[in-house]
Amino acid sequence: MALADVFSGRSLTNRNSTLWGAWAVKSSDFSLYFNGDSGYGKHFKEIGAKYGPFDIAFMENGAYNENWAQIHMFPEQSAQAAAEVGAKVAVPIHWAKFDLAYHNWKDPIERFTRAAQGKPYQVATPKIGQIFGTDNPPQEKWWQGVK
């Protein structure tokens, strides 16, 4: 795929000039993975093999559409990617602050939590801005009370 074929929408003057970013932070006693906007692919297994496992992984999980498959994963793909990077705790992000896509606001978190059942990690579902530790991640389904 040529750079000109890639859309990131991260510039005002040329929406095809940049790519997305993800990063890992590792120390002797803690590791974190932050997934930027991404389509699903083999790169998650490669990241897991090279840099994982991770104590916590923040996984993009929202604003998806068949037409956006190269830049936003579907929730089931996000849940699988969390397993592939070796997350011990997975936090689905990029879904709750505002509604960008055509799906229902609650759809991403509902689908992610269903898809994560049986996966080798815990799902953390913090409220926006909530502070928590990986030893006891929040798992309240707080969005169910939101209209």
N, C-alpha and C. Protein backbone atom coordinates (compact mmCIF):
# COMPACT_ATOMS: atom_id res chain seq x y z
N MET A 1 0.84 -1.16 0.00
CA MET A 1 0.00 0.00 0.00
C MET A 1 0.90 1.24 0.00
N ALA A 2 0.69 2.11 -0.93
CA ALA A 2 1.47 3.35 -1.01
C ALA A 2 0.92 4.37 -0.01
N LEU A 3 1.78 5.25 0.44
CA LEU A 3 1.36 6.26 1.40
C LEU A 3 0.17 7.06 0.87
N ALA A 4 0.15 7.31 -0.42
CA ALA A 4 -0.95 8.08 -1.01
C ALA A 4 -2.28 7.35 -0.90
N ASP A 5 -2.24 6.02 -0.71
CA ASP A 5 -3.45 5.23 -0.58
C ASP A 5 -3.94 5.16 0.86
N VAL A 6 -3.21 5.75 1.78
CA VAL A 6 -3.54 5.67 3.19
C VAL A 6 -4.18 6.97 3.65
N PHE A 7 -5.30 6.84 4.34
CA PHE A 7 -5.99 8.01 4.87
C PHE A 7 -5.87 8.01 6.38
N SER A 8 -5.44 9.12 6.95
CA SER A 8 -5.44 9.21 8.41
C SER A 8 -6.29 10.38 8.89
N GLY A 9 -6.48 11.38 8.05
CA GLY A 9 -7.28 12.53 8.45
C GLY A 9 -6.64 13.34 9.55
N ARG A 10 -5.32 13.30 9.67
CA ARG A 10 -4.64 13.96 10.78
C ARG A 10 -3.93 15.25 10.37
N SER A 11 -4.40 15.88 9.33
CA SER A 11 -3.81 17.14 8.89
C SER A 11 -4.90 17.97 8.23
N LEU A 12 -4.81 19.26 8.39
CA LEU A 12 -5.81 20.14 7.77
C LEU A 12 -5.60 20.30 6.28
N THR A 13 -4.36 20.21 5.82
CA THR A 13 -4.07 20.49 4.42
C THR A 13 -3.85 19.25 3.58
N ASN A 14 -3.44 18.12 4.18
CA ASN A 14 -3.23 16.90 3.43
C ASN A 14 -3.60 15.72 4.33
N ARG A 15 -4.80 15.22 4.19
CA ARG A 15 -5.31 14.18 5.09
C ARG A 15 -4.70 12.81 4.82
N ASN A 16 -3.79 12.70 3.85
CA ASN A 16 -3.14 11.43 3.53
C ASN A 16 -1.64 11.45 3.84
N SER A 17 -1.16 12.48 4.51
CA SER A 17 0.29 12.61 4.69
C SER A 17 0.83 11.98 5.96
N THR A 18 -0.02 11.54 6.85
CA THR A 18 0.46 10.96 8.10
C THR A 18 -0.18 9.60 8.35
N LEU A 19 0.43 8.84 9.22
CA LEU A 19 -0.13 7.56 9.64
C LEU A 19 -0.51 7.64 11.11
N TRP A 20 -1.10 6.61 11.62
CA TRP A 20 -1.53 6.57 13.00
C TRP A 20 -0.37 6.13 13.87
N GLY A 21 -0.52 6.29 15.15
CA GLY A 21 0.55 5.87 16.05
C GLY A 21 0.03 5.02 17.18
N ALA A 22 0.86 4.11 17.59
CA ALA A 22 0.63 3.31 18.79
C ALA A 22 1.97 3.29 19.49
N TRP A 23 1.96 3.01 20.78
CA TRP A 23 3.23 2.98 21.48
C TRP A 23 3.18 2.02 22.65
N ALA A 24 4.36 1.62 23.06
CA ALA A 24 4.51 0.75 24.22
C ALA A 24 5.46 1.43 25.20
N VAL A 25 5.15 1.28 26.48
CA VAL A 25 6.02 1.76 27.54
C VAL A 25 6.34 0.54 28.40
N LYS A 26 7.62 0.24 28.55
CA LYS A 26 8.02 -0.93 29.34
C LYS A 26 9.08 -0.52 30.34
N SER A 27 8.91 -1.02 31.56
CA SER A 27 9.94 -0.86 32.58
C SER A 27 10.20 -2.26 33.15
N SER A 28 11.02 -2.32 34.15
CA SER A 28 11.34 -3.63 34.73
C SER A 28 10.14 -4.26 35.43
N ASP A 29 9.14 -3.44 35.82
CA ASP A 29 8.01 -4.01 36.56
C ASP A 29 6.63 -3.63 36.02
N PHE A 30 6.57 -2.98 34.86
CA PHE A 30 5.27 -2.60 34.32
C PHE A 30 5.38 -2.38 32.81
N SER A 31 4.32 -2.76 32.10
CA SER A 31 4.31 -2.54 30.65
C SER A 31 2.92 -2.11 30.20
N LEU A 32 2.89 -1.18 29.26
CA LEU A 32 1.65 -0.57 28.79
C LEU A 32 1.69 -0.50 27.27
N TYR A 33 0.58 -0.78 26.64
CA TYR A 33 0.45 -0.63 25.19
C TYR A 33 -0.73 0.29 24.92
N PHE A 34 -0.55 1.27 24.05
CA PHE A 34 -1.61 2.18 23.66
C PHE A 34 -1.77 2.07 22.15
N ASN A 35 -2.92 1.57 21.73
CA ASN A 35 -3.21 1.37 20.32
C ASN A 35 -3.85 2.63 19.74
N GLY A 36 -3.26 3.19 18.72
CA GLY A 36 -3.87 4.32 18.04
C GLY A 36 -4.90 3.82 17.04
N ASP A 37 -5.48 4.71 16.27
CA ASP A 37 -6.41 4.30 15.23
C ASP A 37 -5.73 3.26 14.35
N SER A 38 -6.44 2.20 14.04
CA SER A 38 -5.82 1.13 13.29
C SER A 38 -6.87 0.21 12.73
N GLY A 39 -6.59 -0.33 11.58
CA GLY A 39 -7.37 -1.45 11.09
C GLY A 39 -6.75 -2.71 11.70
N TYR A 40 -7.50 -3.79 11.66
CA TYR A 40 -7.01 -5.05 12.23
C TYR A 40 -6.04 -5.71 11.25
N GLY A 41 -5.01 -6.32 11.79
CA GLY A 41 -4.06 -7.03 10.93
C GLY A 41 -3.05 -7.82 11.73
N LYS A 42 -2.11 -8.42 11.01
CA LYS A 42 -1.10 -9.28 11.62
C LYS A 42 -0.15 -8.50 12.53
N HIS A 43 -0.15 -7.20 12.43
CA HIS A 43 0.77 -6.40 13.23
C HIS A 43 0.53 -6.57 14.73
N PHE A 44 -0.68 -6.92 15.14
CA PHE A 44 -0.93 -7.11 16.57
C PHE A 44 -0.20 -8.33 17.11
N LYS A 45 -0.21 -9.43 16.37
CA LYS A 45 0.56 -10.60 16.78
C LYS A 45 2.05 -10.27 16.82
N GLU A 46 2.51 -9.50 15.83
CA GLU A 46 3.92 -9.13 15.78
C GLU A 46 4.30 -8.24 16.96
N ILE A 47 3.45 -7.31 17.32
CA ILE A 47 3.70 -6.44 18.48
C ILE A 47 3.75 -7.28 19.75
N GLY A 48 2.80 -8.20 19.89
CA GLY A 48 2.78 -9.07 21.06
C GLY A 48 4.04 -9.92 21.16
N ALA A 49 4.48 -10.45 20.04
CA ALA A 49 5.67 -11.31 20.03
C ALA A 49 6.93 -10.51 20.35
N LYS A 50 7.01 -9.30 19.83
CA LYS A 50 8.23 -8.50 20.00
C LYS A 50 8.26 -7.73 21.31
N TYR A 51 7.12 -7.18 21.75
CA TYR A 51 7.11 -6.28 22.90
C TYR A 51 6.26 -6.77 24.08
N GLY A 52 5.37 -7.70 23.85
CA GLY A 52 4.45 -8.15 24.89
C GLY A 52 5.10 -9.12 25.85
N PRO A 53 4.36 -9.60 26.80
CA PRO A 53 2.98 -9.22 27.10
C PRO A 53 2.92 -7.87 27.79
N PHE A 54 1.71 -7.34 27.92
CA PHE A 54 1.50 -6.03 28.53
C PHE A 54 0.60 -6.14 29.75
N ASP A 55 0.96 -5.42 30.80
CA ASP A 55 0.10 -5.38 31.97
C ASP A 55 -1.24 -4.76 31.65
N ILE A 56 -1.23 -3.77 30.77
CA ILE A 56 -2.47 -3.11 30.37
C ILE A 56 -2.34 -2.67 28.92
N ALA A 57 -3.43 -2.82 28.17
CA ALA A 57 -3.47 -2.38 26.78
C ALA A 57 -4.73 -1.55 26.58
N PHE A 58 -4.54 -0.35 26.07
CA PHE A 58 -5.65 0.54 25.72
C PHE A 58 -5.93 0.32 24.23
N MET A 59 -7.11 -0.21 23.94
CA MET A 59 -7.40 -0.63 22.57
C MET A 59 -8.51 0.23 21.94
N GLU A 60 -8.20 0.75 20.77
CA GLU A 60 -9.17 1.53 20.00
C GLU A 60 -10.41 0.66 19.76
N ASN A 61 -11.57 1.24 20.02
CA ASN A 61 -12.80 0.45 19.94
C ASN A 61 -14.01 1.33 19.67
N GLY A 62 -14.02 2.00 18.58
CA GLY A 62 -15.21 2.80 18.30
C GLY A 62 -15.10 3.52 16.98
N ALA A 63 -16.20 4.11 16.59
CA ALA A 63 -16.29 4.85 15.33
C ALA A 63 -15.89 3.96 14.16
N TYR A 64 -16.52 2.81 14.06
CA TYR A 64 -16.21 1.86 13.00
C TYR A 64 -17.31 1.83 11.96
N ASN A 65 -16.94 1.38 10.80
CA ASN A 65 -17.84 1.29 9.68
C ASN A 65 -17.10 0.46 8.62
N GLU A 66 -17.83 -0.28 7.82
CA GLU A 66 -17.19 -1.08 6.76
C GLU A 66 -16.27 -0.22 5.90
N ASN A 67 -16.65 1.02 5.65
CA ASN A 67 -15.84 1.91 4.82
C ASN A 67 -14.59 2.42 5.53
N TRP A 68 -14.51 2.22 6.83
CA TRP A 68 -13.37 2.72 7.62
C TRP A 68 -12.50 1.58 8.15
N ALA A 69 -12.60 0.41 7.56
CA ALA A 69 -11.93 -0.79 8.09
C ALA A 69 -10.42 -0.65 8.19
N GLN A 70 -9.83 0.21 7.38
CA GLN A 70 -8.37 0.40 7.44
C GLN A 70 -7.94 1.34 8.57
N ILE A 71 -8.89 2.06 9.15
CA ILE A 71 -8.51 3.04 10.18
C ILE A 71 -9.20 2.85 11.52
N HIS A 72 -10.24 2.03 11.57
CA HIS A 72 -10.93 1.76 12.83
C HIS A 72 -11.37 0.30 12.84
N MET A 73 -11.01 -0.40 13.90
CA MET A 73 -11.39 -1.81 14.03
C MET A 73 -12.83 -1.95 14.51
N PHE A 74 -13.43 -3.07 14.18
CA PHE A 74 -14.70 -3.44 14.77
C PHE A 74 -14.42 -3.96 16.19
N PRO A 75 -15.38 -3.89 17.09
CA PRO A 75 -15.14 -4.30 18.48
C PRO A 75 -14.59 -5.72 18.62
N GLU A 76 -15.08 -6.64 17.82
CA GLU A 76 -14.59 -8.01 17.89
C GLU A 76 -13.11 -8.09 17.49
N GLN A 77 -12.71 -7.27 16.55
CA GLN A 77 -11.30 -7.22 16.15
C GLN A 77 -10.46 -6.59 17.26
N SER A 78 -10.99 -5.56 17.90
CA SER A 78 -10.27 -4.92 19.01
C SER A 78 -10.06 -5.91 20.15
N ALA A 79 -11.09 -6.69 20.46
CA ALA A 79 -10.98 -7.70 21.52
C ALA A 79 -9.94 -8.75 21.15
N GLN A 80 -9.91 -9.17 19.91
CA GLN A 80 -8.92 -10.15 19.46
C GLN A 80 -7.52 -9.55 19.47
N ALA A 81 -7.39 -8.30 19.04
CA ALA A 81 -6.09 -7.64 19.03
C ALA A 81 -5.52 -7.53 20.43
N ALA A 82 -6.37 -7.27 21.42
CA ALA A 82 -5.91 -7.20 22.81
C ALA A 82 -5.30 -8.53 23.24
N ALA A 83 -5.92 -9.63 22.84
CA ALA A 83 -5.37 -10.95 23.15
C ALA A 83 -4.03 -11.15 22.43
N GLU A 84 -3.95 -10.71 21.19
CA GLU A 84 -2.74 -10.93 20.39
C GLU A 84 -1.54 -10.13 20.88
N VAL A 85 -1.77 -8.96 21.45
CA VAL A 85 -0.63 -8.19 21.99
C VAL A 85 -0.24 -8.71 23.37
N GLY A 86 -1.05 -9.58 23.94
CA GLY A 86 -0.72 -10.16 25.24
C GLY A 86 -1.16 -9.31 26.42
N ALA A 87 -2.31 -8.66 26.29
CA ALA A 87 -2.82 -7.83 27.38
C ALA A 87 -3.23 -8.68 28.58
N LYS A 88 -2.91 -8.21 29.77
CA LYS A 88 -3.44 -8.81 30.99
C LYS A 88 -4.74 -8.11 31.38
N VAL A 89 -4.77 -6.79 31.13
CA VAL A 89 -5.98 -5.98 31.29
C VAL A 89 -6.16 -5.20 29.99
N ALA A 90 -7.36 -5.23 29.44
CA ALA A 90 -7.66 -4.48 28.22
C ALA A 90 -8.68 -3.40 28.53
N VAL A 91 -8.40 -2.19 28.05
CA VAL A 91 -9.32 -1.07 28.23
C VAL A 91 -9.79 -0.62 26.84
N PRO A 92 -11.06 -0.87 26.51
CA PRO A 92 -11.56 -0.37 25.23
C PRO A 92 -11.70 1.15 25.29
N ILE A 93 -11.08 1.83 24.35
CA ILE A 93 -11.11 3.29 24.32
C ILE A 93 -11.68 3.77 22.99
N HIS A 94 -11.87 5.09 22.90
CA HIS A 94 -12.24 5.73 21.65
C HIS A 94 -13.71 5.46 21.31
N TRP A 95 -14.51 5.24 22.35
CA TRP A 95 -15.92 4.98 22.07
C TRP A 95 -16.88 5.83 22.88
N ALA A 96 -16.50 6.34 24.04
CA ALA A 96 -17.49 6.88 24.96
C ALA A 96 -17.63 8.39 24.99
N LYS A 97 -16.64 9.11 24.54
CA LYS A 97 -16.67 10.56 24.74
C LYS A 97 -17.70 11.25 23.85
N PHE A 98 -17.68 10.94 22.58
CA PHE A 98 -18.70 11.50 21.69
C PHE A 98 -18.95 10.51 20.56
N ASP A 99 -20.07 10.67 19.90
CA ASP A 99 -20.50 9.74 18.87
C ASP A 99 -20.06 10.26 17.51
N LEU A 100 -19.18 9.51 16.85
CA LEU A 100 -18.62 9.93 15.57
C LEU A 100 -19.19 9.11 14.41
N ALA A 101 -19.64 7.91 14.69
CA ALA A 101 -20.03 6.99 13.62
C ALA A 101 -21.54 6.78 13.58
N TYR A 102 -21.94 5.86 12.72
CA TYR A 102 -23.35 5.61 12.48
C TYR A 102 -23.95 4.57 13.42
N HIS A 103 -23.12 3.92 14.21
CA HIS A 103 -23.64 2.90 15.13
C HIS A 103 -24.13 3.55 16.41
N ASN A 104 -24.92 2.80 17.17
CA ASN A 104 -25.41 3.26 18.46
C ASN A 104 -24.24 3.52 19.39
N TRP A 105 -24.34 4.52 20.24
CA TRP A 105 -23.27 4.92 21.14
C TRP A 105 -22.78 3.77 22.02
N LYS A 106 -23.68 2.92 22.51
CA LYS A 106 -23.31 1.82 23.40
C LYS A 106 -22.81 0.58 22.65
N ASP A 107 -23.03 0.52 21.37
CA ASP A 107 -22.68 -0.66 20.59
C ASP A 107 -21.22 -1.08 20.73
N PRO A 108 -20.25 -0.18 20.65
CA PRO A 108 -18.85 -0.62 20.74
C PRO A 108 -18.51 -1.33 22.05
N ILE A 109 -18.95 -0.80 23.17
CA ILE A 109 -18.60 -1.40 24.45
C ILE A 109 -19.36 -2.70 24.67
N GLU A 110 -20.61 -2.74 24.25
CA GLU A 110 -21.39 -3.98 24.38
C GLU A 110 -20.75 -5.10 23.55
N ARG A 111 -20.38 -4.80 22.33
CA ARG A 111 -19.79 -5.81 21.45
C ARG A 111 -18.40 -6.22 21.93
N PHE A 112 -17.60 -5.25 22.40
CA PHE A 112 -16.26 -5.58 22.90
C PHE A 112 -16.35 -6.50 24.11
N THR A 113 -17.19 -6.16 25.07
CA THR A 113 -17.26 -6.98 26.29
C THR A 113 -17.78 -8.39 25.98
N ARG A 114 -18.69 -8.51 25.04
CA ARG A 114 -19.14 -9.86 24.63
C ARG A 114 -18.00 -10.62 23.96
N ALA A 115 -17.29 -9.95 23.05
CA ALA A 115 -16.20 -10.61 22.31
C ALA A 115 -15.03 -10.97 23.22
N ALA A 116 -14.86 -10.25 24.31
CA ALA A 116 -13.74 -10.50 25.22
C ALA A 116 -14.00 -11.67 26.17
N GLN A 117 -15.24 -12.12 26.25
CA GLN A 117 -15.53 -13.26 27.13
C GLN A 117 -14.72 -14.47 26.69
N GLY A 118 -14.02 -15.07 27.65
CA GLY A 118 -13.19 -16.22 27.35
C GLY A 118 -11.79 -15.88 26.88
N LYS A 119 -11.50 -14.60 26.70
CA LYS A 119 -10.16 -14.19 26.29
C LYS A 119 -9.26 -14.19 27.53
N PRO A 120 -7.94 -14.26 27.35
CA PRO A 120 -7.02 -14.38 28.49
C PRO A 120 -6.67 -13.06 29.17
N TYR A 121 -7.62 -12.16 29.25
CA TYR A 121 -7.39 -10.88 29.92
C TYR A 121 -8.68 -10.42 30.61
N GLN A 122 -8.52 -9.47 31.53
CA GLN A 122 -9.66 -8.81 32.15
C GLN A 122 -9.99 -7.58 31.34
N VAL A 123 -11.25 -7.22 31.28
CA VAL A 123 -11.67 -5.98 30.62
C VAL A 123 -11.91 -4.93 31.70
N ALA A 124 -11.28 -3.79 31.54
CA ALA A 124 -11.51 -2.66 32.44
C ALA A 124 -12.45 -1.68 31.73
N THR A 125 -13.47 -1.23 32.46
CA THR A 125 -14.45 -0.32 31.88
C THR A 125 -14.58 0.94 32.76
N PRO A 126 -13.50 1.72 32.83
CA PRO A 126 -13.57 2.92 33.66
C PRO A 126 -14.49 3.97 33.05
N LYS A 127 -15.06 4.78 33.92
CA LYS A 127 -15.78 5.96 33.45
C LYS A 127 -14.74 6.94 32.93
N ILE A 128 -15.14 7.86 32.09
CA ILE A 128 -14.20 8.84 31.54
C ILE A 128 -13.54 9.59 32.69
N GLY A 129 -12.22 9.55 32.74
CA GLY A 129 -11.45 10.24 33.77
C GLY A 129 -11.22 9.45 35.04
N GLN A 130 -11.81 8.26 35.16
CA GLN A 130 -11.66 7.46 36.37
C GLN A 130 -10.24 6.92 36.51
N ILE A 131 -9.69 7.02 37.69
CA ILE A 131 -8.36 6.51 37.99
C ILE A 131 -8.51 5.10 38.57
N PHE A 132 -7.65 4.19 38.13
CA PHE A 132 -7.72 2.82 38.63
C PHE A 132 -6.36 2.15 38.50
N GLY A 133 -6.21 1.03 39.16
CA GLY A 133 -5.00 0.24 39.08
C GLY A 133 -5.28 -1.07 38.35
N THR A 134 -4.23 -1.69 37.85
CA THR A 134 -4.41 -2.94 37.11
C THR A 134 -4.70 -4.13 38.02
N ASP A 135 -4.46 -3.97 39.33
CA ASP A 135 -4.72 -5.06 40.25
C ASP A 135 -6.22 -5.24 40.51
N ASN A 136 -7.01 -4.20 40.30
CA ASN A 136 -8.45 -4.27 40.53
C ASN A 136 -9.16 -3.36 39.52
N PRO A 137 -9.13 -3.71 38.24
CA PRO A 137 -9.70 -2.82 37.22
C PRO A 137 -11.21 -2.70 37.35
N PRO A 138 -11.75 -1.51 37.10
CA PRO A 138 -13.20 -1.31 37.18
C PRO A 138 -13.91 -2.12 36.11
N GLN A 139 -15.01 -2.76 36.50
CA GLN A 139 -15.76 -3.58 35.55
C GLN A 139 -17.25 -3.27 35.59
N GLU A 140 -17.59 -2.14 36.18
CA GLU A 140 -18.98 -1.71 36.23
C GLU A 140 -19.47 -1.41 34.81
N LYS A 141 -20.69 -1.79 34.51
CA LYS A 141 -21.29 -1.49 33.21
C LYS A 141 -22.06 -0.18 33.30
N TRP A 142 -21.32 0.89 33.59
CA TRP A 142 -21.90 2.20 33.86
C TRP A 142 -22.68 2.76 32.68
N TRP A 143 -22.34 2.41 31.47
CA TRP A 143 -22.98 2.94 30.29
C TRP A 143 -24.43 2.46 30.15
N GLN A 144 -24.77 1.36 30.83
CA GLN A 144 -26.13 0.84 30.73
C GLN A 144 -27.16 1.79 31.32
N GLY A 145 -26.73 2.65 32.24
CA GLY A 145 -27.63 3.62 32.84
C GLY A 145 -27.70 4.94 32.09
N VAL A 146 -26.97 5.05 30.98
CA VAL A 146 -26.93 6.29 30.21
C VAL A 146 -27.93 6.19 29.07
N LYS A 147 -28.71 7.26 28.88
CA LYS A 147 -29.69 7.27 27.79
C LYS A 147 -29.21 8.04 26.62
